[in-house]
N, C-alpha and C. Protein backbone atom coordinates (compact mmCIF):
# COMPACT_ATOMS: atom_id res chain seq x y z
N UNK A 1 96.61 73.27 95.35
CA UNK A 1 97.35 74.00 94.25
C UNK A 1 96.41 75.10 93.66
N UNK A 2 95.14 74.80 93.56
CA UNK A 2 94.22 75.83 93.04
C UNK A 2 94.15 77.06 93.94
N UNK A 3 94.22 76.82 95.24
CA UNK A 3 94.15 77.94 96.21
C UNK A 3 95.41 78.79 96.02
N UNK A 4 96.59 78.24 95.80
CA UNK A 4 97.82 78.99 95.58
C UNK A 4 97.75 79.79 94.21
N UNK A 5 97.23 79.10 93.24
CA UNK A 5 97.08 79.79 91.89
C UNK A 5 96.16 80.99 92.03
N UNK A 6 95.02 80.81 92.82
CA UNK A 6 94.09 81.87 93.06
C UNK A 6 94.72 83.07 93.80
N UNK A 7 95.51 82.72 94.81
CA UNK A 7 96.19 83.72 95.58
C UNK A 7 97.14 84.54 94.76
N UNK A 8 97.88 83.88 93.89
CA UNK A 8 98.79 84.59 92.94
C UNK A 8 98.06 85.46 92.00
N UNK A 9 96.91 84.97 91.54
CA UNK A 9 96.05 85.74 90.62
C UNK A 9 95.54 87.03 91.37
N UNK A 10 95.16 86.86 92.64
CA UNK A 10 94.72 87.98 93.39
C UNK A 10 95.88 89.02 93.54
N UNK A 11 97.00 88.51 93.88
CA UNK A 11 98.18 89.38 94.04
C UNK A 11 98.46 90.18 92.83
N UNK A 12 98.52 89.46 91.67
CA UNK A 12 98.79 90.08 90.40
C UNK A 12 97.72 91.12 90.04
N UNK A 13 96.49 90.77 90.23
CA UNK A 13 95.37 91.79 89.92
C UNK A 13 95.51 93.00 90.85
N UNK A 14 95.80 92.82 92.07
CA UNK A 14 95.93 93.93 93.02
C UNK A 14 97.08 94.85 92.63
N UNK A 15 98.23 94.22 92.24
CA UNK A 15 99.37 95.01 91.86
C UNK A 15 99.05 95.82 90.54
N UNK A 16 98.40 95.25 89.61
CA UNK A 16 98.09 95.83 88.34
C UNK A 16 97.06 96.88 88.53
N UNK A 17 96.04 96.69 89.40
CA UNK A 17 95.09 97.72 89.67
C UNK A 17 95.68 98.94 90.38
N UNK A 18 96.63 98.66 91.26
CA UNK A 18 97.41 99.79 91.95
C UNK A 18 98.23 100.52 90.86
N UNK A 19 98.86 99.88 90.00
CA UNK A 19 99.60 100.50 88.93
C UNK A 19 98.68 101.38 88.07
N UNK A 20 97.49 100.89 87.75
CA UNK A 20 96.52 101.72 86.89
C UNK A 20 96.19 102.99 87.76
N UNK A 21 95.94 102.84 89.01
CA UNK A 21 95.61 103.94 89.92
C UNK A 21 96.71 104.88 89.97
N UNK A 22 97.95 104.42 90.12
CA UNK A 22 99.16 105.28 90.14
C UNK A 22 99.33 106.03 88.83
N UNK A 23 99.02 105.33 87.76
CA UNK A 23 99.06 105.94 86.40
C UNK A 23 98.15 107.12 86.32
N UNK A 24 96.85 106.93 86.79
CA UNK A 24 95.93 108.00 86.72
C UNK A 24 96.37 109.19 87.52
N UNK A 25 96.98 108.93 88.72
CA UNK A 25 97.45 110.04 89.53
C UNK A 25 98.62 110.75 88.88
N UNK A 26 99.51 110.00 88.35
CA UNK A 26 100.70 110.64 87.62
C UNK A 26 100.27 111.43 86.46
N UNK A 27 99.38 110.80 85.61
CA UNK A 27 98.93 111.50 84.37
C UNK A 27 98.23 112.86 84.74
N UNK A 28 97.47 112.84 85.84
CA UNK A 28 96.75 114.04 86.21
C UNK A 28 97.70 115.19 86.66
N UNK A 29 98.78 114.74 87.26
CA UNK A 29 99.77 115.72 87.76
C UNK A 29 100.75 116.07 86.70
N UNK A 30 101.11 115.12 85.79
CA UNK A 30 102.06 115.40 84.76
C UNK A 30 101.51 114.81 83.43
N UNK A 31 100.72 115.58 82.75
CA UNK A 31 100.08 115.10 81.50
C UNK A 31 101.10 114.62 80.43
N UNK A 32 102.31 115.11 80.41
CA UNK A 32 103.31 114.69 79.46
C UNK A 32 103.70 113.22 79.66
N UNK A 33 103.49 112.66 80.84
CA UNK A 33 103.74 111.27 81.04
C UNK A 33 102.80 110.37 80.27
N UNK A 34 101.58 110.74 80.07
CA UNK A 34 100.64 110.00 79.21
C UNK A 34 101.18 109.95 77.85
N UNK A 35 101.58 111.09 77.27
CA UNK A 35 102.14 111.13 75.87
C UNK A 35 103.31 110.25 75.76
N UNK A 36 104.19 110.30 76.70
CA UNK A 36 105.37 109.41 76.70
C UNK A 36 105.04 107.97 76.66
N UNK A 37 104.15 107.57 77.57
CA UNK A 37 103.67 106.24 77.66
C UNK A 37 103.13 105.70 76.28
N UNK A 38 102.32 106.59 75.66
CA UNK A 38 101.77 106.25 74.39
C UNK A 38 102.91 106.00 73.33
N UNK A 39 103.90 106.86 73.38
CA UNK A 39 105.04 106.76 72.46
C UNK A 39 105.84 105.47 72.68
N UNK A 40 105.97 105.11 73.91
CA UNK A 40 106.69 103.88 74.24
C UNK A 40 105.91 102.66 73.74
N UNK A 41 104.58 102.67 73.96
CA UNK A 41 103.71 101.55 73.51
C UNK A 41 103.71 101.54 71.95
N UNK A 42 103.63 102.62 71.32
CA UNK A 42 103.60 102.62 69.82
C UNK A 42 104.96 102.16 69.25
N UNK A 43 106.00 102.41 69.94
CA UNK A 43 107.30 101.93 69.44
C UNK A 43 107.37 100.35 69.50
N UNK A 44 106.69 99.81 70.59
CA UNK A 44 106.71 98.35 70.62
C UNK A 44 105.82 97.83 69.53
N UNK A 45 104.76 98.42 69.17
CA UNK A 45 103.91 97.91 68.13
C UNK A 45 104.57 98.02 66.78
N UNK A 46 105.33 99.21 66.59
CA UNK A 46 106.04 99.35 65.34
C UNK A 46 107.13 98.28 65.12
N UNK A 47 107.80 97.97 66.22
CA UNK A 47 108.83 96.88 66.10
C UNK A 47 108.18 95.63 65.65
N UNK A 48 107.10 95.25 66.23
CA UNK A 48 106.40 93.98 65.86
C UNK A 48 105.96 94.06 64.39
N UNK A 49 105.42 95.20 63.99
CA UNK A 49 105.04 95.28 62.54
C UNK A 49 106.23 95.07 61.58
N UNK A 50 107.35 95.73 61.96
CA UNK A 50 108.50 95.73 61.03
C UNK A 50 109.03 94.32 60.98
N UNK A 51 109.13 93.66 62.14
CA UNK A 51 109.60 92.31 62.23
C UNK A 51 108.73 91.37 61.36
N UNK A 52 107.41 91.65 61.46
CA UNK A 52 106.44 90.86 60.67
C UNK A 52 106.63 90.96 59.19
N UNK A 53 107.06 92.11 58.75
CA UNK A 53 107.22 92.37 57.30
C UNK A 53 108.48 91.72 56.81
N UNK A 54 109.45 91.48 57.67
CA UNK A 54 110.73 90.90 57.21
C UNK A 54 111.58 91.91 56.47
N UNK A 55 112.70 91.50 55.92
CA UNK A 55 113.51 92.38 55.20
C UNK A 55 114.40 93.22 56.12
N UNK A 56 115.18 94.11 55.55
CA UNK A 56 116.11 94.95 56.26
C UNK A 56 115.55 95.82 57.38
N UNK A 57 115.09 95.18 58.40
CA UNK A 57 114.45 95.95 59.51
C UNK A 57 115.48 96.26 60.69
N UNK A 58 116.70 95.75 60.57
CA UNK A 58 117.53 95.89 61.71
C UNK A 58 117.83 97.35 62.05
N UNK A 59 118.11 98.19 61.07
CA UNK A 59 118.38 99.59 61.31
C UNK A 59 117.18 100.29 61.90
N UNK A 60 116.01 100.01 61.45
CA UNK A 60 114.78 100.57 61.87
C UNK A 60 114.56 100.18 63.39
N UNK A 61 114.77 98.89 63.64
CA UNK A 61 114.57 98.43 65.02
C UNK A 61 115.57 99.01 65.92
N UNK A 62 116.78 99.23 65.47
CA UNK A 62 117.83 99.88 66.26
C UNK A 62 117.41 101.31 66.70
N UNK A 63 116.87 102.03 65.65
CA UNK A 63 116.42 103.41 65.92
C UNK A 63 115.30 103.43 66.86
N UNK A 64 114.34 102.56 66.61
CA UNK A 64 113.20 102.53 67.58
C UNK A 64 113.60 102.17 68.96
N UNK A 65 114.57 101.30 69.09
CA UNK A 65 115.11 100.95 70.42
C UNK A 65 115.72 102.18 71.08
N UNK A 66 116.54 102.90 70.34
CA UNK A 66 117.12 104.10 70.93
C UNK A 66 116.06 105.12 71.37
N UNK A 67 115.05 105.25 70.48
CA UNK A 67 114.02 106.22 70.79
C UNK A 67 113.22 105.81 72.04
N UNK A 68 112.97 104.47 72.07
CA UNK A 68 112.27 103.92 73.19
C UNK A 68 113.03 104.10 74.51
N UNK A 69 114.30 103.82 74.48
CA UNK A 69 115.17 104.00 75.66
C UNK A 69 115.20 105.45 76.13
N UNK A 70 115.31 106.35 75.16
CA UNK A 70 115.29 107.80 75.53
C UNK A 70 113.96 108.23 76.10
N UNK A 71 112.86 107.66 75.57
CA UNK A 71 111.57 107.97 76.12
C UNK A 71 111.41 107.43 77.59
N UNK A 72 111.94 106.24 77.74
CA UNK A 72 111.81 105.67 79.10
C UNK A 72 112.64 106.44 80.14
N UNK A 73 113.83 106.96 79.68
CA UNK A 73 114.65 107.73 80.59
C UNK A 73 113.95 109.08 80.87
N UNK A 74 113.31 109.66 79.89
CA UNK A 74 112.60 110.89 80.04
C UNK A 74 111.39 110.67 81.01
N UNK A 75 110.68 109.56 80.87
CA UNK A 75 109.57 109.23 81.75
C UNK A 75 110.16 109.08 83.23
N UNK A 76 111.32 108.45 83.40
CA UNK A 76 111.91 108.31 84.72
C UNK A 76 112.22 109.64 85.31
N UNK A 77 112.80 110.55 84.52
CA UNK A 77 113.15 111.92 85.01
C UNK A 77 111.87 112.66 85.40
N UNK A 78 110.88 112.63 84.61
CA UNK A 78 109.62 113.34 84.88
C UNK A 78 109.05 112.81 86.16
N UNK A 79 109.03 111.56 86.38
CA UNK A 79 108.47 110.99 87.60
C UNK A 79 109.26 111.44 88.82
N UNK A 80 110.58 111.42 88.73
CA UNK A 80 111.44 111.86 89.88
C UNK A 80 111.25 113.37 90.17
N UNK A 81 111.29 114.12 89.07
CA UNK A 81 111.13 115.60 89.25
C UNK A 81 109.82 115.96 89.85
N UNK A 82 108.74 115.19 89.69
CA UNK A 82 107.42 115.49 90.25
C UNK A 82 107.16 114.71 91.50
N UNK A 83 108.17 114.22 92.19
CA UNK A 83 107.97 113.62 93.46
C UNK A 83 107.57 112.09 93.52
N UNK A 84 107.59 111.48 92.41
CA UNK A 84 107.20 110.07 92.33
C UNK A 84 108.50 109.24 92.28
N UNK A 85 108.35 107.94 92.67
CA UNK A 85 109.37 107.03 92.51
C UNK A 85 109.60 106.71 91.08
N UNK A 86 110.85 106.30 90.64
CA UNK A 86 111.10 105.98 89.26
C UNK A 86 110.25 104.85 88.79
N UNK A 87 109.82 103.93 89.62
CA UNK A 87 109.00 102.76 89.20
C UNK A 87 107.53 102.92 89.58
N UNK A 88 107.12 104.17 89.81
CA UNK A 88 105.75 104.43 90.28
C UNK A 88 104.67 103.89 89.32
N UNK A 89 104.99 103.86 88.10
CA UNK A 89 103.93 103.38 87.07
C UNK A 89 103.99 101.85 86.85
N UNK A 90 104.95 101.18 87.46
CA UNK A 90 105.07 99.77 87.29
C UNK A 90 104.34 99.06 88.37
N UNK A 91 103.76 97.86 88.03
CA UNK A 91 103.01 97.11 89.08
C UNK A 91 104.05 96.58 90.10
N UNK A 92 103.72 96.70 91.34
CA UNK A 92 104.61 96.27 92.42
C UNK A 92 104.16 94.78 92.82
N UNK A 93 104.65 93.89 92.01
CA UNK A 93 104.29 92.45 92.21
C UNK A 93 104.98 91.98 93.55
N UNK A 94 104.35 91.09 94.18
CA UNK A 94 104.96 90.49 95.38
C UNK A 94 106.22 89.73 95.04
N UNK A 95 106.16 89.06 93.90
CA UNK A 95 107.41 88.35 93.44
C UNK A 95 107.96 88.98 92.15
N UNK A 96 109.12 89.50 92.27
CA UNK A 96 109.71 90.24 91.17
C UNK A 96 110.12 89.29 90.05
N UNK A 97 110.44 88.00 90.46
CA UNK A 97 110.93 87.06 89.44
C UNK A 97 109.81 86.68 88.45
N UNK A 98 108.67 86.41 88.92
CA UNK A 98 107.60 85.88 88.02
C UNK A 98 106.45 86.83 87.83
N UNK A 99 106.48 87.95 88.46
CA UNK A 99 105.33 88.92 88.26
C UNK A 99 104.07 88.36 88.75
N UNK A 100 104.10 87.57 89.84
CA UNK A 100 102.98 86.84 90.45
C UNK A 100 102.23 85.93 89.48
N UNK A 101 102.92 85.37 88.57
CA UNK A 101 102.31 84.49 87.61
C UNK A 101 102.51 82.98 88.14
N UNK A 102 103.49 82.80 88.91
CA UNK A 102 103.80 81.50 89.41
C UNK A 102 104.83 80.70 88.52
N UNK A 103 105.19 81.30 87.40
CA UNK A 103 106.12 80.64 86.45
C UNK A 103 107.25 81.55 86.11
N UNK A 104 108.45 80.86 85.91
CA UNK A 104 109.60 81.58 85.43
C UNK A 104 110.25 80.59 84.35
N UNK A 105 110.25 80.98 83.12
CA UNK A 105 110.84 80.22 82.09
C UNK A 105 110.14 78.88 81.98
N UNK A 106 108.86 78.84 82.12
CA UNK A 106 108.14 77.56 82.03
C UNK A 106 108.15 76.63 83.21
N UNK A 107 108.89 77.08 84.25
CA UNK A 107 109.02 76.25 85.52
C UNK A 107 108.31 77.03 86.63
N UNK A 108 107.80 76.25 87.52
CA UNK A 108 107.20 76.87 88.75
C UNK A 108 108.12 77.73 89.51
N UNK A 109 107.70 78.89 89.87
CA UNK A 109 108.60 79.89 90.61
C UNK A 109 108.65 79.39 92.05
N UNK A 110 109.74 79.86 92.72
CA UNK A 110 109.94 79.52 94.14
C UNK A 110 108.82 80.12 95.02
N UNK A 111 108.31 81.24 94.53
CA UNK A 111 107.22 81.92 95.35
C UNK A 111 105.96 80.99 95.37
N UNK A 112 105.69 80.27 94.26
CA UNK A 112 104.53 79.41 94.20
C UNK A 112 104.74 78.21 95.17
N UNK A 113 105.96 77.65 95.22
CA UNK A 113 106.29 76.58 96.09
C UNK A 113 106.17 77.04 97.58
N UNK A 114 106.69 78.26 97.87
CA UNK A 114 106.59 78.74 99.22
C UNK A 114 105.16 78.93 99.64
N UNK A 115 104.31 79.41 98.66
CA UNK A 115 102.85 79.65 98.95
C UNK A 115 102.20 78.33 99.20
N UNK A 116 102.50 77.33 98.47
CA UNK A 116 101.93 75.99 98.70
C UNK A 116 102.28 75.43 100.14
N UNK A 117 103.59 75.74 100.55
CA UNK A 117 103.98 75.33 101.88
C UNK A 117 103.17 76.11 102.99
N UNK A 118 103.04 77.38 102.72
CA UNK A 118 102.29 78.23 103.66
C UNK A 118 100.88 77.75 103.78
N UNK A 119 100.25 77.50 102.68
CA UNK A 119 98.86 77.06 102.67
C UNK A 119 98.70 75.65 103.33
N UNK A 120 99.65 74.75 103.06
CA UNK A 120 99.57 73.45 103.76
C UNK A 120 99.74 73.55 105.18
N UNK A 121 100.67 74.44 105.66
CA UNK A 121 100.88 74.68 107.07
C UNK A 121 99.60 75.23 107.70
N UNK A 122 99.01 76.19 107.07
CA UNK A 122 97.80 76.87 107.59
C UNK A 122 96.70 75.76 107.70
N UNK A 123 96.57 74.89 106.68
CA UNK A 123 95.49 73.90 106.79
C UNK A 123 95.89 72.92 107.91
N UNK A 124 97.13 72.58 108.05
CA UNK A 124 97.54 71.74 109.14
C UNK A 124 97.21 72.32 110.48
N UNK A 125 97.44 73.60 110.63
CA UNK A 125 97.17 74.28 111.86
C UNK A 125 95.67 74.35 112.16
N UNK A 126 94.82 74.33 111.16
CA UNK A 126 93.36 74.32 111.38
C UNK A 126 92.88 72.99 111.87
N UNK A 127 93.60 71.93 111.48
CA UNK A 127 93.17 70.57 111.73
C UNK A 127 93.93 69.93 112.93
N UNK A 128 94.99 70.51 113.38
CA UNK A 128 95.78 69.89 114.45
C UNK A 128 96.43 71.00 115.29
N UNK A 129 96.78 70.61 116.54
CA UNK A 129 97.35 71.62 117.44
C UNK A 129 98.87 71.81 117.18
N UNK A 130 99.24 72.34 116.05
CA UNK A 130 100.59 72.45 115.64
C UNK A 130 101.31 73.43 116.58
N UNK A 131 100.68 74.53 116.97
CA UNK A 131 101.35 75.60 117.84
C UNK A 131 101.74 75.07 119.10
N UNK A 132 101.04 74.09 119.72
CA UNK A 132 101.36 73.58 120.99
C UNK A 132 102.22 72.30 120.94
N UNK A 133 102.31 71.68 119.74
CA UNK A 133 103.02 70.46 119.58
C UNK A 133 104.44 70.72 119.18
N UNK A 134 105.23 70.98 120.26
CA UNK A 134 106.69 71.30 120.04
C UNK A 134 107.48 70.21 120.73
N UNK A 135 108.76 70.21 120.37
CA UNK A 135 109.70 69.25 121.07
C UNK A 135 109.74 69.64 122.48
N UNK A 136 109.82 70.91 122.82
CA UNK A 136 109.97 71.43 124.20
C UNK A 136 108.76 71.02 125.07
N UNK A 137 107.58 70.89 124.48
CA UNK A 137 106.39 70.58 125.25
C UNK A 137 106.10 69.07 125.28
N UNK A 138 106.94 68.32 124.65
CA UNK A 138 106.82 66.82 124.63
C UNK A 138 107.33 66.37 126.02
N UNK A 139 106.41 65.84 126.87
CA UNK A 139 106.74 65.44 128.17
C UNK A 139 107.02 63.87 128.33
N UNK A 140 108.12 63.59 128.86
CA UNK A 140 108.42 62.18 129.09
C UNK A 140 107.77 61.66 130.37
N UNK A 141 107.18 62.57 131.10
CA UNK A 141 106.54 62.26 132.42
C UNK A 141 105.33 61.32 132.22
N UNK A 142 104.76 61.26 130.98
CA UNK A 142 103.58 60.35 130.75
C UNK A 142 104.01 58.94 130.73
N UNK A 143 105.25 58.66 130.57
CA UNK A 143 105.65 57.27 130.42
C UNK A 143 106.24 56.79 131.78
N UNK A 144 105.43 55.96 132.44
CA UNK A 144 105.78 55.51 133.77
C UNK A 144 106.71 54.25 133.82
N UNK A 145 106.54 53.50 132.83
CA UNK A 145 107.38 52.30 132.75
C UNK A 145 108.86 52.69 132.33
N UNK A 146 109.86 52.39 133.14
CA UNK A 146 111.24 52.80 132.80
C UNK A 146 111.67 52.47 131.41
N UNK A 147 111.44 51.36 130.86
CA UNK A 147 111.85 50.99 129.52
C UNK A 147 111.14 51.85 128.42
N UNK A 148 109.89 51.98 128.70
CA UNK A 148 109.04 52.84 127.77
C UNK A 148 109.52 54.31 127.82
N UNK A 149 109.87 54.84 128.97
CA UNK A 149 110.35 56.18 129.08
C UNK A 149 111.64 56.31 128.34
N UNK A 150 112.57 55.43 128.55
CA UNK A 150 113.85 55.42 127.83
C UNK A 150 113.67 55.38 126.33
N UNK A 151 112.77 54.50 125.90
CA UNK A 151 112.42 54.30 124.46
C UNK A 151 111.93 55.62 123.85
N UNK A 152 111.00 56.24 124.49
CA UNK A 152 110.41 57.52 124.09
C UNK A 152 111.52 58.64 124.09
N UNK A 153 112.38 58.65 125.10
CA UNK A 153 113.43 59.65 125.02
C UNK A 153 114.35 59.50 123.85
N UNK A 154 114.65 58.24 123.51
CA UNK A 154 115.39 57.94 122.30
C UNK A 154 114.71 58.36 121.03
N UNK A 155 113.40 58.13 120.98
CA UNK A 155 112.58 58.52 119.83
C UNK A 155 112.55 60.06 119.67
N UNK A 156 112.39 60.73 120.81
CA UNK A 156 112.43 62.22 120.81
C UNK A 156 113.71 62.76 120.24
N UNK A 157 114.83 62.18 120.79
CA UNK A 157 116.16 62.62 120.32
C UNK A 157 116.35 62.30 118.87
N UNK A 158 115.82 61.18 118.35
CA UNK A 158 115.93 60.77 116.96
C UNK A 158 115.16 61.85 116.11
N UNK A 159 113.99 62.23 116.54
CA UNK A 159 113.12 63.26 115.77
C UNK A 159 113.86 64.58 115.73
N UNK A 160 114.45 64.95 116.87
CA UNK A 160 115.19 66.26 116.90
C UNK A 160 116.41 66.22 115.94
N UNK A 161 117.09 65.13 115.93
CA UNK A 161 118.21 64.90 115.06
C UNK A 161 117.70 64.89 113.56
N UNK A 162 116.63 64.29 113.32
CA UNK A 162 116.01 64.23 112.00
C UNK A 162 115.79 65.67 111.46
N UNK A 163 115.24 66.57 112.29
CA UNK A 163 114.99 67.93 111.89
C UNK A 163 116.27 68.65 111.64
N UNK A 164 117.25 68.45 112.57
CA UNK A 164 118.54 69.19 112.41
C UNK A 164 119.22 68.80 111.08
N UNK A 165 119.10 67.55 110.70
CA UNK A 165 119.81 67.11 109.47
C UNK A 165 118.91 66.97 108.26
N UNK A 166 117.71 67.60 108.36
CA UNK A 166 116.76 67.42 107.30
C UNK A 166 117.24 68.10 105.96
N UNK A 167 116.97 67.39 104.88
CA UNK A 167 117.18 67.97 103.51
C UNK A 167 116.20 67.35 102.58
N UNK A 168 116.20 67.82 101.34
CA UNK A 168 115.21 67.22 100.42
C UNK A 168 115.49 65.72 100.15
N UNK A 169 116.62 65.32 100.52
CA UNK A 169 116.92 63.85 100.23
C UNK A 169 116.62 62.96 101.58
N UNK A 170 116.10 63.64 102.60
CA UNK A 170 115.82 62.90 103.83
C UNK A 170 114.74 61.85 103.55
N UNK A 171 114.89 60.73 104.19
CA UNK A 171 113.87 59.59 104.06
C UNK A 171 112.65 59.99 104.92
N UNK A 172 111.49 59.40 104.55
CA UNK A 172 110.32 59.58 105.36
C UNK A 172 110.35 58.83 106.70
N UNK A 173 109.54 59.25 107.59
CA UNK A 173 109.46 58.57 108.88
C UNK A 173 108.12 57.87 108.89
N UNK A 174 108.00 56.77 109.59
CA UNK A 174 106.82 56.06 109.88
C UNK A 174 106.64 55.89 111.35
N UNK A 175 105.50 56.49 111.84
CA UNK A 175 105.19 56.34 113.29
C UNK A 175 104.11 55.31 113.45
N UNK A 176 104.24 54.43 114.32
CA UNK A 176 103.16 53.45 114.62
C UNK A 176 103.19 53.13 116.04
N UNK A 177 102.04 52.72 116.54
CA UNK A 177 101.99 52.28 117.98
C UNK A 177 100.54 52.60 118.46
N UNK A 178 100.33 52.30 119.73
CA UNK A 178 98.96 52.45 120.28
C UNK A 178 98.64 53.95 120.41
N UNK A 179 97.36 54.21 120.68
CA UNK A 179 96.90 55.52 120.85
C UNK A 179 97.41 56.15 122.08
N UNK A 180 97.79 57.47 122.01
CA UNK A 180 98.29 58.21 123.14
C UNK A 180 99.78 58.09 123.53
N UNK A 181 100.54 57.56 122.59
CA UNK A 181 101.94 57.44 122.89
C UNK A 181 102.80 58.68 122.33
N UNK A 182 102.19 59.57 121.60
CA UNK A 182 102.86 60.83 121.21
C UNK A 182 103.26 60.85 119.79
N UNK A 183 102.72 59.95 118.98
CA UNK A 183 102.98 59.95 117.49
C UNK A 183 102.58 61.28 116.86
N UNK A 184 101.40 61.70 117.10
CA UNK A 184 100.89 62.98 116.49
C UNK A 184 101.67 64.15 117.02
N UNK A 185 101.94 64.24 118.25
CA UNK A 185 102.69 65.31 118.87
C UNK A 185 104.03 65.47 118.16
N UNK A 186 104.80 64.35 118.12
CA UNK A 186 106.14 64.33 117.48
C UNK A 186 106.07 64.69 116.03
N UNK A 187 105.08 64.17 115.28
CA UNK A 187 105.04 64.42 113.83
C UNK A 187 104.68 65.90 113.63
N UNK A 188 103.80 66.53 114.46
CA UNK A 188 103.51 67.92 114.40
C UNK A 188 104.72 68.80 114.76
N UNK A 189 105.47 68.36 115.72
CA UNK A 189 106.65 69.15 116.17
C UNK A 189 107.69 69.08 115.02
N UNK A 190 107.80 67.98 114.33
CA UNK A 190 108.69 67.92 113.17
C UNK A 190 108.22 68.88 112.13
N UNK A 191 106.91 68.91 111.81
CA UNK A 191 106.34 69.77 110.79
C UNK A 191 106.57 71.22 111.16
N UNK A 192 106.31 71.54 112.44
CA UNK A 192 106.50 72.92 112.90
C UNK A 192 107.91 73.37 112.70
N UNK A 193 108.90 72.56 113.10
CA UNK A 193 110.31 72.95 113.01
C UNK A 193 110.74 73.10 111.53
N UNK A 194 110.23 72.16 110.69
CA UNK A 194 110.63 72.20 109.30
C UNK A 194 109.95 73.34 108.53
């Protein structure tokens, strides 16, 4: 989990560093953008100050909102007129939902869970021959006793059906038996398919 959090932190820092770099480029080419950005930031601070004071702030907040939206539109137009993308100043996060924080509304984001799966698979690949352990490469020729060969064929078919019908509600499987019967190969084939 720590490794996934560190990766998201790296992604977020990389996106924000690129946005700062883009901002420097844009400000150099279009100095008016820097002034607009300051206006937008100051409007946000003003809203916070007014809300903090309480009282009839609704009209003032509405005016600030309108000014802020107008400034944002002007910024967008300046970017486009000068050959930049409209979102050139915004960080390009890998995950748009959580901004590479790993959380959306206090819950873990899907990107975090995907990253955990990727890291687990990567670790599994380092410790086991996942890439060669496939259903297609599972050979029944190693089983010379007819009953044993039939039993292993049934187990192989069961594992393939298990993968086809897999859901979050699927029950766990327990493999047991003597060394060299194919338990590791089949469990890795299932992991690879899933």
